[in-house]
Amino acid sequence: MAKTNPVEFIEQVRSETAKVTWPTRKETVITTIMVMIMVFFASLFFLAADTVLNMIVSTVLGR
């Protein structure tokens, strides 16, 4: 792999960064809210699963 000097590297990085389609503020906010909602539901699911498994293990072990 050929080595590039730092100046060429910075130019290449700027060129590639210019090609990126950045999300709008609205898209970022909506996506963040969706992620928070999914995290909430996932945490509820794992809480319920943990509670059920805890009850099963406690029953089997007789505690």
N, C-alpha and C. Protein backbone atom coordinates (compact mmCIF):
# COMPACT_ATOMS: atom_id res chain seq x y z
N MET A 1 0.83 -1.16 0.00
CA MET A 1 0.00 0.00 0.00
C MET A 1 0.89 1.24 0.00
N ALA A 2 0.63 2.13 -0.96
CA ALA A 2 1.46 3.33 -1.08
C ALA A 2 1.16 4.30 0.04
N LYS A 3 2.21 4.93 0.52
CA LYS A 3 2.04 5.92 1.59
C LYS A 3 1.74 7.27 0.96
N THR A 4 0.84 8.01 1.60
CA THR A 4 0.55 9.37 1.15
C THR A 4 1.07 10.34 2.19
N ASN A 5 1.43 11.50 1.71
CA ASN A 5 1.91 12.48 2.69
C ASN A 5 0.72 13.10 3.41
N PRO A 6 0.94 13.72 4.55
CA PRO A 6 -0.17 14.25 5.36
C PRO A 6 -1.05 15.27 4.62
N VAL A 7 -0.48 16.08 3.76
CA VAL A 7 -1.25 17.08 3.04
C VAL A 7 -2.23 16.41 2.08
N GLU A 8 -1.76 15.40 1.35
CA GLU A 8 -2.64 14.66 0.45
C GLU A 8 -3.75 13.95 1.23
N PHE A 9 -3.37 13.40 2.38
CA PHE A 9 -4.35 12.70 3.20
C PHE A 9 -5.47 13.65 3.63
N ILE A 10 -5.11 14.83 4.10
CA ILE A 10 -6.11 15.81 4.53
C ILE A 10 -7.01 16.20 3.36
N GLU A 11 -6.43 16.38 2.18
CA GLU A 11 -7.22 16.72 0.99
C GLU A 11 -8.20 15.60 0.65
N GLN A 12 -7.74 14.36 0.76
CA GLN A 12 -8.61 13.22 0.48
C GLN A 12 -9.75 13.12 1.50
N VAL A 13 -9.43 13.39 2.75
CA VAL A 13 -10.45 13.35 3.80
C VAL A 13 -11.50 14.42 3.54
N ARG A 14 -11.08 15.63 3.21
CA ARG A 14 -12.02 16.71 2.91
C ARG A 14 -12.88 16.36 1.70
N SER A 15 -12.28 15.76 0.71
CA SER A 15 -13.03 15.37 -0.49
C SER A 15 -14.10 14.33 -0.16
N GLU A 16 -13.74 13.33 0.64
CA GLU A 16 -14.70 12.30 1.02
C GLU A 16 -15.78 12.86 1.95
N THR A 17 -15.41 13.74 2.85
CA THR A 17 -16.38 14.34 3.77
C THR A 17 -17.40 15.17 3.01
N ALA A 18 -17.00 15.79 1.93
CA ALA A 18 -17.92 16.60 1.13
C ALA A 18 -18.99 15.73 0.46
N LYS A 19 -18.70 14.44 0.26
CA LYS A 19 -19.64 13.53 -0.39
C LYS A 19 -20.70 12.99 0.57
N VAL A 20 -20.48 13.16 1.88
CA VAL A 20 -21.38 12.60 2.88
C VAL A 20 -22.69 13.38 2.90
N THR A 21 -23.80 12.65 2.98
CA THR A 21 -25.11 13.27 3.14
C THR A 21 -25.42 13.29 4.63
N TRP A 22 -25.36 14.45 5.23
CA TRP A 22 -25.56 14.57 6.67
C TRP A 22 -27.05 14.66 6.98
N PRO A 23 -27.50 14.02 8.09
CA PRO A 23 -28.92 14.10 8.45
C PRO A 23 -29.30 15.50 8.93
N THR A 24 -30.56 15.84 8.73
CA THR A 24 -31.04 17.14 9.21
C THR A 24 -31.26 17.05 10.73
N ARG A 25 -31.46 18.18 11.34
CA ARG A 25 -31.71 18.21 12.78
C ARG A 25 -32.99 17.44 13.10
N LYS A 26 -34.02 17.62 12.27
CA LYS A 26 -35.29 16.93 12.49
C LYS A 26 -35.11 15.42 12.43
N GLU A 27 -34.37 14.93 11.44
CA GLU A 27 -34.12 13.50 11.31
C GLU A 27 -33.37 12.96 12.53
N THR A 28 -32.41 13.72 13.01
CA THR A 28 -31.63 13.30 14.17
C THR A 28 -32.50 13.23 15.41
N VAL A 29 -33.36 14.21 15.61
CA VAL A 29 -34.25 14.21 16.78
C VAL A 29 -35.22 13.04 16.72
N ILE A 30 -35.82 12.81 15.56
CA ILE A 30 -36.78 11.71 15.40
C ILE A 30 -36.10 10.36 15.64
N THR A 31 -34.93 10.19 15.09
CA THR A 31 -34.19 8.94 15.27
C THR A 31 -33.83 8.73 16.73
N THR A 32 -33.41 9.78 17.41
CA THR A 32 -33.07 9.68 18.82
C THR A 32 -34.28 9.28 19.66
N ILE A 33 -35.43 9.88 19.38
CA ILE A 33 -36.66 9.54 20.10
C ILE A 33 -37.03 8.07 19.86
N MET A 34 -36.91 7.62 18.61
CA MET A 34 -37.23 6.22 18.28
C MET A 34 -36.30 5.27 19.04
N VAL A 35 -35.04 5.60 19.12
CA VAL A 35 -34.09 4.76 19.85
C VAL A 35 -34.45 4.71 21.33
N MET A 36 -34.80 5.85 21.91
CA MET A 36 -35.18 5.89 23.33
C MET A 36 -36.43 5.02 23.59
N ILE A 37 -37.40 5.08 22.68
CA ILE A 37 -38.61 4.26 22.83
C ILE A 37 -38.26 2.78 22.76
N MET A 38 -37.43 2.40 21.81
CA MET A 38 -37.04 0.99 21.68
C MET A 38 -36.25 0.53 22.90
N VAL A 39 -35.39 1.36 23.45
CA VAL A 39 -34.64 1.01 24.66
C VAL A 39 -35.60 0.80 25.82
N PHE A 40 -36.61 1.66 25.94
CA PHE A 40 -37.61 1.52 27.00
C PHE A 40 -38.33 0.18 26.90
N PHE A 41 -38.81 -0.16 25.70
CA PHE A 41 -39.53 -1.42 25.53
C PHE A 41 -38.62 -2.63 25.73
N ALA A 42 -37.39 -2.54 25.28
CA ALA A 42 -36.44 -3.64 25.49
C ALA A 42 -36.16 -3.83 26.98
N SER A 43 -36.03 -2.73 27.71
CA SER A 43 -35.78 -2.86 29.15
C SER A 43 -36.98 -3.47 29.87
N LEU A 44 -38.20 -3.11 29.44
CA LEU A 44 -39.40 -3.73 30.03
C LEU A 44 -39.43 -5.23 29.74
N PHE A 45 -39.10 -5.61 28.51
CA PHE A 45 -39.09 -7.02 28.14
C PHE A 45 -38.09 -7.80 28.99
N PHE A 46 -36.86 -7.28 29.12
CA PHE A 46 -35.84 -7.99 29.89
C PHE A 46 -36.15 -8.00 31.39
N LEU A 47 -36.81 -6.96 31.89
CA LEU A 47 -37.25 -6.97 33.28
C LEU A 47 -38.26 -8.08 33.50
N ALA A 48 -39.23 -8.20 32.60
CA ALA A 48 -40.25 -9.25 32.72
C ALA A 48 -39.62 -10.63 32.58
N ALA A 49 -38.73 -10.80 31.62
CA ALA A 49 -38.07 -12.10 31.43
C ALA A 49 -37.24 -12.47 32.66
N ASP A 50 -36.54 -11.53 33.23
CA ASP A 50 -35.72 -11.78 34.41
C ASP A 50 -36.60 -12.15 35.61
N THR A 51 -37.72 -11.46 35.76
CA THR A 51 -38.63 -11.74 36.86
C THR A 51 -39.20 -13.15 36.74
N VAL A 52 -39.63 -13.51 35.56
CA VAL A 52 -40.20 -14.85 35.34
C VAL A 52 -39.14 -15.92 35.59
N LEU A 53 -37.95 -15.74 35.05
CA LEU A 53 -36.89 -16.73 35.27
C LEU A 53 -36.50 -16.81 36.74
N ASN A 54 -36.50 -15.69 37.43
CA ASN A 54 -36.19 -15.68 38.86
C ASN A 54 -37.23 -16.48 39.63
N MET A 55 -38.51 -16.30 39.28
CA MET A 55 -39.57 -17.05 39.96
C MET A 55 -39.45 -18.55 39.68
N ILE A 56 -39.13 -18.91 38.46
CA ILE A 56 -38.98 -20.33 38.09
C ILE A 56 -37.82 -20.96 38.85
N VAL A 57 -36.69 -20.29 38.86
CA VAL A 57 -35.51 -20.83 39.55
C VAL A 57 -35.77 -20.93 41.05
N SER A 58 -36.42 -19.91 41.62
CA SER A 58 -36.74 -19.95 43.05
C SER A 58 -37.66 -21.10 43.39
N THR A 59 -38.62 -21.37 42.51
CA THR A 59 -39.55 -22.48 42.73
C THR A 59 -38.82 -23.82 42.64
N VAL A 60 -37.97 -23.96 41.65
CA VAL A 60 -37.24 -25.22 41.46
C VAL A 60 -36.28 -25.47 42.62
N LEU A 61 -35.61 -24.43 43.09
CA LEU A 61 -34.64 -24.60 44.17
C LEU A 61 -35.31 -24.60 45.55
N GLY A 62 -36.59 -24.28 45.60
CA GLY A 62 -37.33 -24.33 46.85
C GLY A 62 -36.99 -23.21 47.82
N ARG A 63 -36.71 -22.06 47.31
CA ARG A 63 -36.37 -20.93 48.19
C ARG A 63 -37.53 -20.02 48.35
